[in-house]
Amino acid sequence: MAKKKSFPLRIDPQLYEVLERWAADEFRSVNSQIEFILRNAALKAGRLPRAKTREEDEKDKENPMPG
Protein backbone atom coordinates (compact mmCIF):
# COMPACT_ATOMS: atom_id res chain seq x y z
CA MET A 1 0.00 0.00 0.00
CA ALA A 2 1.28 3.47 -0.84
CA LYS A 3 2.39 5.66 2.01
CA LYS A 4 -0.20 8.29 2.90
CA LYS A 5 0.48 11.97 3.45
CA SER A 6 -0.35 13.17 6.94
CA PHE A 7 -1.11 16.75 7.93
CA PRO A 8 -2.85 18.56 10.78
CA LEU A 9 -6.48 19.53 10.25
CA ARG A 10 -8.32 22.12 12.27
CA ILE A 11 -12.04 21.50 12.21
CA ASP A 12 -15.07 22.89 13.98
CA PRO A 13 -15.97 20.60 16.92
CA GLN A 14 -19.62 20.41 15.86
CA LEU A 15 -18.62 19.31 12.35
CA TYR A 16 -16.25 16.74 13.84
CA GLU A 17 -19.13 15.26 15.87
CA VAL A 18 -21.19 14.97 12.70
CA LEU A 19 -18.28 13.22 10.97
CA GLU A 20 -17.85 10.85 13.92
CA ARG A 21 -21.49 9.76 13.76
CA TRP A 22 -21.41 9.48 9.97
CA ALA A 23 -18.21 7.40 10.07
CA ALA A 24 -19.65 5.11 12.74
CA ASP A 25 -22.79 4.59 10.63
CA GLU A 26 -20.59 3.40 7.75
CA PHE A 27 -18.12 1.43 9.93
CA ARG A 28 -15.18 3.73 9.12
CA SER A 29 -12.76 5.78 11.16
CA VAL A 30 -13.22 9.54 11.01
CA ASN A 31 -9.99 9.77 9.02
CA SER A 32 -11.22 7.22 6.48
CA GLN A 33 -14.58 8.95 6.26
CA ILE A 34 -12.96 12.32 5.52
CA GLU A 35 -10.76 10.72 2.86
CA PHE A 36 -13.82 8.97 1.36
CA ILE A 37 -15.76 12.25 1.18
CA LEU A 38 -12.82 14.15 -0.32
CA ARG A 39 -12.10 11.42 -2.89
CA ASN A 40 -15.74 11.37 -4.03
CA ALA A 41 -15.78 15.17 -4.31
CA ALA A 42 -12.54 15.14 -6.34
CA LEU A 43 -13.91 12.45 -8.67
CA LYS A 44 -17.19 14.32 -9.13
CA ALA A 45 -15.28 17.52 -9.94
CA GLY A 46 -13.17 15.69 -12.52
CA ARG A 47 -9.97 16.40 -10.60
CA LEU A 48 -9.07 12.78 -9.88
CA PRO A 49 -8.89 10.09 -12.55
CA ARG A 50 -11.38 7.30 -12.07
CA ALA A 51 -9.81 3.99 -11.04
CA LYS A 52 -10.27 1.07 -13.41
CA THR A 53 -12.89 -1.48 -12.48
CA ARG A 54 -11.82 -5.10 -12.05
CA GLU A 55 -13.59 -5.90 -15.34
CA GLU A 56 -11.65 -3.19 -17.21
CA ASP A 57 -8.39 -4.41 -15.70
CA GLU A 58 -9.14 -8.02 -16.75
CA LYS A 59 -10.05 -6.87 -20.28
CA ASP A 60 -6.72 -5.02 -20.54
CA LYS A 61 -4.87 -8.18 -19.49
CA GLU A 62 -6.71 -10.26 -22.09
CA ASN A 63 -6.17 -7.74 -24.91
CA PRO A 64 -2.88 -5.90 -24.31
CA MET A 65 -2.20 -2.96 -26.58
CA PRO A 66 0.64 -3.53 -29.02
CA GLY A 67 3.72 -1.66 -27.92
C-alpha atoms as a PDB file:
ATOM      1  CA  MET A   1       0.000   0.000   0.000  1.00  0.00           C
ATOM      2  CA  ALA A   2       1.278   3.471  -0.842  1.00  0.00           C
ATOM      3  CA  LYS A   3       2.387   5.661   2.008  1.00  0.00           C
ATOM      4  CA  LYS A   4      -0.205   8.286   2.901  1.00  0.00           C
ATOM      5  CA  LYS A   5       0.478  11.968   3.449  1.00  0.00           C
ATOM      6  CA  SER A   6      -0.346  13.169   6.942  1.00  0.00           C
ATOM      7  CA  PHE A   7      -1.109  16.749   7.929  1.00  0.00           C
ATOM      8  CA  PRO A   8      -2.854  18.558  10.778  1.00  0.00           C
ATOM      9  CA  LEU A   9      -6.482  19.525  10.247  1.00  0.00           C
ATOM     10  CA  ARG A  10      -8.319  22.123  12.271  1.00  0.00           C
ATOM     11  CA  ILE A  11     -12.041  21.499  12.213  1.00  0.00           C
ATOM     12  CA  ASP A  12     -15.072  22.886  13.981  1.00  0.00           C
ATOM     13  CA  PRO A  13     -15.967  20.601  16.919  1.00  0.00           C
ATOM     14  CA  GLN A  14     -19.620  20.405  15.861  1.00  0.00           C
ATOM     15  CA  LEU A  15     -18.623  19.308  12.352  1.00  0.00           C
ATOM     16  CA  TYR A  16     -16.252  16.737  13.837  1.00  0.00           C
ATOM     17  CA  GLU A  17     -19.125  15.256  15.873  1.00  0.00           C
ATOM     18  CA  VAL A  18     -21.189  14.969  12.696  1.00  0.00           C
ATOM     19  CA  LEU A  19     -18.280  13.218  10.967  1.00  0.00           C
ATOM     20  CA  GLU A  20     -17.847  10.850  13.918  1.00  0.00           C
ATOM     21  CA  ARG A  21     -21.486   9.758  13.761  1.00  0.00           C
ATOM     22  CA  TRP A  22     -21.405   9.480   9.969  1.00  0.00           C
ATOM     23  CA  ALA A  23     -18.214   7.405  10.068  1.00  0.00           C
ATOM     24  CA  ALA A  24     -19.652   5.112  12.737  1.00  0.00           C
ATOM     25  CA  ASP A  25     -22.788   4.589  10.631  1.00  0.00           C
ATOM     26  CA  GLU A  26     -20.588   3.402   7.755  1.00  0.00           C
ATOM     27  CA  PHE A  27     -18.118   1.430   9.926  1.00  0.00           C
ATOM     28  CA  ARG A  28     -15.185   3.729   9.118  1.00  0.00           C
ATOM     29  CA  SER A  29     -12.763   5.780  11.164  1.00  0.00           C
ATOM     30  CA  VAL A  30     -13.217   9.541  11.010  1.00  0.00           C
ATOM     31  CA  ASN A  31      -9.987   9.774   9.024  1.00  0.00           C
ATOM     32  CA  SER A  32     -11.221   7.217   6.480  1.00  0.00           C
ATOM     33  CA  GLN A  33     -14.585   8.952   6.260  1.00  0.00           C
ATOM     34  CA  ILE A  34     -12.965  12.318   5.520  1.00  0.00           C
ATOM     35  CA  GLU A  35     -10.759  10.715   2.857  1.00  0.00           C
ATOM     36  CA  PHE A  36     -13.819   8.966   1.362  1.00  0.00           C
ATOM     37  CA  ILE A  37     -15.756  12.247   1.176  1.00  0.00           C
ATOM     38  CA  LEU A  38     -12.824  14.150  -0.318  1.00  0.00           C
ATOM     39  CA  ARG A  39     -12.101  11.417  -2.888  1.00  0.00           C
ATOM     40  CA  ASN A  40     -15.735  11.368  -4.031  1.00  0.00           C
ATOM     41  CA  ALA A  41     -15.776  15.169  -4.312  1.00  0.00           C
ATOM     42  CA  ALA A  42     -12.543  15.144  -6.344  1.00  0.00           C
ATOM     43  CA  LEU A  43     -13.913  12.447  -8.669  1.00  0.00           C
ATOM     44  CA  LYS A  44     -17.186  14.321  -9.129  1.00  0.00           C
ATOM     45  CA  ALA A  45     -15.277  17.525  -9.939  1.00  0.00           C
ATOM     46  CA  GLY A  46     -13.168  15.689 -12.518  1.00  0.00           C
ATOM     47  CA  ARG A  47      -9.970  16.398 -10.603  1.00  0.00           C
ATOM     48  CA  LEU A  48      -9.071  12.780  -9.876  1.00  0.00           C
ATOM     49  CA  PRO A  49      -8.890  10.086 -12.551  1.00  0.00           C
ATOM     50  CA  ARG A  50     -11.385   7.296 -12.069  1.00  0.00           C
ATOM     51  CA  ALA A  51      -9.814   3.991 -11.036  1.00  0.00           C
ATOM     52  CA  LYS A  52     -10.273   1.069 -13.409  1.00  0.00           C
ATOM     53  CA  THR A  53     -12.888  -1.484 -12.476  1.00  0.00           C
ATOM     54  CA  ARG A  54     -11.825  -5.100 -12.046  1.00  0.00           C
ATOM     55  CA  GLU A  55     -13.594  -5.897 -15.341  1.00  0.00           C
ATOM     56  CA  GLU A  56     -11.654  -3.187 -17.207  1.00  0.00           C
ATOM     57  CA  ASP A  57      -8.392  -4.408 -15.701  1.00  0.00           C
ATOM     58  CA  GLU A  58      -9.139  -8.017 -16.748  1.00  0.00           C
ATOM     59  CA  LYS A  59     -10.055  -6.873 -20.275  1.00  0.00           C
ATOM     60  CA  ASP A  60      -6.722  -5.025 -20.545  1.00  0.00           C
ATOM     61  CA  LYS A  61      -4.869  -8.179 -19.485  1.00  0.00           C
ATOM     62  CA  GLU A  62      -6.713 -10.262 -22.090  1.00  0.00           C
ATOM     63  CA  ASN A  63      -6.167  -7.738 -24.912  1.00  0.00           C
ATOM     64  CA  PRO A  64      -2.876  -5.902 -24.308  1.00  0.00           C
ATOM     65  CA  MET A  65      -2.201  -2.962 -26.585  1.00  0.00           C
ATOM     66  CA  PRO A  66       0.645  -3.531 -29.024  1.00  0.00           C
ATOM     67  CA  GLY A  67       3.717  -1.657 -27.922  1.00  0.00           C
END
